[in-house]
Protein backbone atom coordinates (compact mmCIF):
# COMPACT_ATOMS: atom_id res chain seq x y z
CA MET A 1 -17.75 61.84 -37.32
CA ASP A 2 -14.60 63.60 -37.90
CA SER A 3 -11.34 61.92 -38.31
CA GLY A 4 -10.15 62.82 -34.71
CA THR A 5 -13.21 61.08 -33.13
CA ALA A 6 -12.84 58.11 -35.46
CA ALA A 7 -9.24 57.71 -34.37
CA VAL A 8 -10.23 57.88 -30.63
CA VAL A 9 -13.04 55.37 -31.21
CA GLY A 10 -10.76 53.15 -33.23
CA ALA A 11 -8.11 53.41 -30.60
CA ALA A 12 -10.57 52.36 -27.90
CA ILE A 13 -11.96 49.54 -29.77
CA GLY A 14 -8.35 48.27 -30.48
CA MET A 15 -7.46 48.65 -26.73
CA LEU A 16 -10.63 46.78 -25.67
CA GLY A 17 -9.90 44.00 -28.25
CA GLY A 18 -6.21 43.82 -27.06
CA ALA A 19 -7.29 43.66 -23.50
CA GLY A 20 -10.06 41.08 -24.10
CA GLY A 21 -7.49 38.97 -26.06
CA GLY A 22 -5.11 39.25 -23.29
CA TRP A 23 -7.66 38.31 -20.81
CA LEU A 24 -8.70 35.23 -22.93
CA THR A 25 -5.12 34.25 -23.11
CA LEU A 26 -4.57 34.57 -19.28
CA ALA A 27 -7.85 32.60 -18.68
CA GLY A 28 -6.67 29.87 -20.96
CA GLN A 29 -3.17 29.72 -19.37
CA ALA A 30 -4.86 29.59 -15.86
CA ARG A 31 -7.08 26.70 -16.97
CA GLN A 32 -3.97 24.87 -18.44
CA GLN A 33 -2.04 25.44 -15.25
CA GLU A 34 -4.90 24.01 -13.19
CA ARG A 35 -5.12 21.03 -15.41
CA GLN A 36 -1.34 20.41 -15.21
CA GLN A 37 -1.44 20.71 -11.34
CA ARG A 38 -4.30 18.11 -11.30
CA ILE A 39 -2.24 15.76 -13.61
CA ASP A 40 0.90 16.31 -11.34
CA GLN A 41 -1.24 15.66 -8.27
CA GLN A 42 -2.62 12.43 -9.76
CA HIS A 43 0.91 11.34 -10.65
CA ARG A 44 2.15 12.00 -7.03
CA LEU A 45 -0.80 10.10 -5.53
CA GLU A 46 -0.05 7.11 -7.87
CA ASP A 47 3.57 7.12 -6.82
CA VAL A 48 2.69 7.24 -3.03
CA ARG A 49 0.19 4.50 -3.68
CA ARG A 50 2.68 2.31 -5.62
CA GLU A 51 5.16 2.75 -2.73
CA ALA A 52 2.52 1.97 -0.05
CA TYR A 53 1.27 -1.11 -1.90
CA SER A 54 4.82 -2.42 -2.52
CA ALA A 55 5.71 -1.86 1.04
CA CYS A 56 2.70 -3.70 2.28
CA ILE A 57 3.41 -6.67 0.01
CA SER A 58 7.13 -6.74 1.00
CA ALA A 59 6.27 -6.47 4.67
CA SER A 60 3.66 -9.25 4.45
CA LYS A 61 6.34 -11.45 2.74
CA GLN A 62 8.73 -10.67 5.49
CA VAL A 63 6.15 -11.76 8.25
CA SER A 64 5.59 -14.98 6.36
CA ALA A 65 9.29 -15.81 5.87
CA ARG A 66 10.20 -15.21 9.48
CA TRP A 67 7.33 -17.45 10.74
CA TRP A 68 8.17 -20.05 8.05
CA ARG A 69 11.82 -20.15 9.42
CA LEU A 70 10.48 -20.70 12.92
CA ALA A 71 8.14 -23.36 11.71
CA ALA A 72 11.05 -25.14 10.03
CA ARG A 73 13.09 -25.14 13.23
CA LEU A 74 10.12 -26.29 15.21
CA ARG A 75 9.74 -29.19 12.92
CA THR A 76 13.48 -30.15 12.95
CA THR A 77 14.85 -32.54 15.62
CA GLY A 78 17.88 -31.18 17.48
CA THR A 79 17.02 -27.56 17.33
CA THR A 80 17.18 -25.51 20.58
CA VAL A 81 14.91 -23.32 22.47
CA ASP A 82 17.38 -20.57 22.00
CA GLN A 83 17.10 -20.88 18.21
CA TRP A 84 13.38 -20.78 18.59
CA GLU A 85 13.55 -17.66 20.68
CA ALA A 86 15.67 -15.98 18.01
CA ASP A 87 13.41 -16.80 15.26
CA ALA A 88 10.32 -15.94 17.25
CA ALA A 89 11.92 -12.48 18.01
CA GLU A 90 12.57 -11.78 14.41
CA ALA A 91 9.08 -12.87 13.43
CA HIS A 92 7.61 -10.47 16.11
CA ALA A 93 9.86 -7.61 14.81
CA THR A 94 8.35 -7.89 11.31
CA TRP A 95 4.89 -7.23 12.57
CA ALA A 96 5.24 -3.58 13.25
CA PRO A 97 6.47 -2.70 9.78
CA PHE A 98 3.59 -4.78 8.20
CA SER A 99 1.08 -3.03 10.43
CA ALA A 100 2.46 0.28 9.49
CA ALA A 101 2.45 -0.60 5.76
CA VAL A 102 -1.25 -1.57 6.06
CA ALA A 103 -1.98 1.75 7.74
CA ALA A 104 -0.31 3.53 4.96
CA VAL A 105 -2.44 1.77 2.40
CA ALA A 106 -5.52 2.65 4.43
CA VAL A 107 -4.56 6.34 4.09
CA VAL A 108 -3.66 6.43 0.42
CA GLY A 109 -6.58 4.09 -0.64
CA PRO A 110 -8.72 3.95 -2.55
CA GLY A 111 -11.31 2.10 -0.44
CA PRO A 112 -11.38 -1.18 -2.04
CA VAL A 113 -7.49 -1.50 -1.82
CA ALA A 114 -7.65 -0.44 1.83
CA GLU A 115 -10.25 -3.11 2.46
CA ALA A 116 -8.14 -5.72 0.77
CA ALA A 117 -5.06 -4.60 2.91
CA GLU A 118 -7.22 -5.04 6.04
CA ALA A 119 -8.41 -8.48 5.03
CA LEU A 120 -4.79 -9.33 4.46
CA ARG A 121 -3.79 -7.95 7.78
CA ARG A 122 -6.41 -10.14 9.56
CA ALA A 123 -5.28 -13.13 7.63
CA MET A 124 -1.58 -12.38 8.69
CA TYR A 125 -2.61 -11.81 12.26
CA ALA A 126 -4.16 -15.36 12.29
CA LEU A 127 -0.79 -16.64 10.91
CA ASP A 128 1.09 -14.64 13.62
CA GLN A 129 -1.24 -16.09 16.33
CA ALA A 130 -0.76 -19.63 15.01
CA GLY A 131 2.94 -19.17 15.14
CA VAL A 132 2.92 -17.75 18.56
CA ALA A 133 0.77 -20.61 19.97
CA TRP A 134 3.04 -23.26 18.40
CA HIS A 135 6.21 -21.49 19.73
CA GLU A 136 4.78 -21.24 23.29
CA ALA A 137 3.63 -24.81 23.28
CA ALA A 138 7.07 -25.88 21.99
CA ARG A 139 8.82 -24.05 24.89
CA GLU A 140 6.57 -25.76 27.33
CA THR A 141 6.97 -29.24 25.91
CA GLY A 142 10.69 -28.84 24.99
CA HIS A 143 10.15 -29.86 21.34
CA GLY A 144 8.31 -28.29 18.34
CA ARG A 145 6.90 -31.59 16.76
CA LEU A 146 3.39 -30.74 17.76
CA ALA A 147 1.14 -31.90 14.88
CA ASP A 148 -2.06 -30.02 15.96
CA LEU A 149 -0.20 -26.66 16.14
CA ASP A 150 1.74 -27.46 12.99
CA ALA A 151 -1.69 -28.07 11.30
CA ARG A 152 -3.07 -24.82 12.68
CA TYR A 153 -0.08 -22.91 11.43
CA MET A 154 -0.49 -24.58 8.00
CA GLU A 155 -4.18 -23.77 7.75
CA ALA A 156 -3.20 -20.07 8.55
CA VAL A 157 -0.58 -20.18 5.78
CA ALA A 158 -3.15 -21.45 3.26
CA ALA A 159 -5.79 -18.98 4.53
CA LYS A 160 -3.57 -15.90 3.94
CA ARG A 161 -2.92 -16.70 0.19
CA GLU A 162 -6.30 -15.51 -1.11
CA PRO A 163 -6.34 -12.27 0.84
CA GLY A 164 -2.74 -11.68 -0.43
CA ARG A 165 -3.81 -12.30 -4.12
CA VAL A 166 -6.88 -10.03 -3.63
CA PHE A 167 -4.72 -7.27 -2.25
CA GLN A 168 -2.38 -7.48 -5.16
CA ARG A 169 -5.21 -7.60 -7.78
CA MET A 170 -6.95 -4.55 -6.22
CA ALA A 171 -3.64 -2.72 -6.03
CA ARG A 172 -2.98 -3.44 -9.71
CA GLU A 173 -6.46 -2.10 -10.59
CA ALA A 174 -6.00 0.99 -8.52
CA LEU A 175 -2.78 1.66 -10.34
CA GLY A 176 -4.31 1.04 -13.79
CA ALA A 177 -2.08 -2.01 -14.34
CA GLU A 178 -4.97 -4.31 -15.06
CA SER A 179 -5.91 -4.32 -18.67
């Protein structure tokens, strides 16, 4: 092989080597970019989940607090129907944000957290219904000191505690906060 041919062959080999090295670099960069995109997506999902879980917990506490206020008024001598109505309206107003928060948890998941949120929703619905029944009976009788309805309400208060704890535990696990 003469020197001219050797130079052409050498240049071709160098060009192929350079192209191959460039291709390997590009492939490596593409894999790194995909990996970074997955990591970013996981972080965004974690942020969305954290927000949804927090909103659900907060909204459940608002429902409880509003019904608790009405229960305190119903137990207190001298309170008025107008006071009961105002407290009941506030309690009812807290239901929609809570329901929306549970729906958001159902969307962002994962499944076990969504199931725990639904169990909490059912328990909070029982509390809501116990409060509604007590309020309606108090309006009919003109007083809120109705032991059987107070007891039903307190049973619902106690029954919501475990679903609330389970939801919080499942949320911590999903966020990797349980160690």
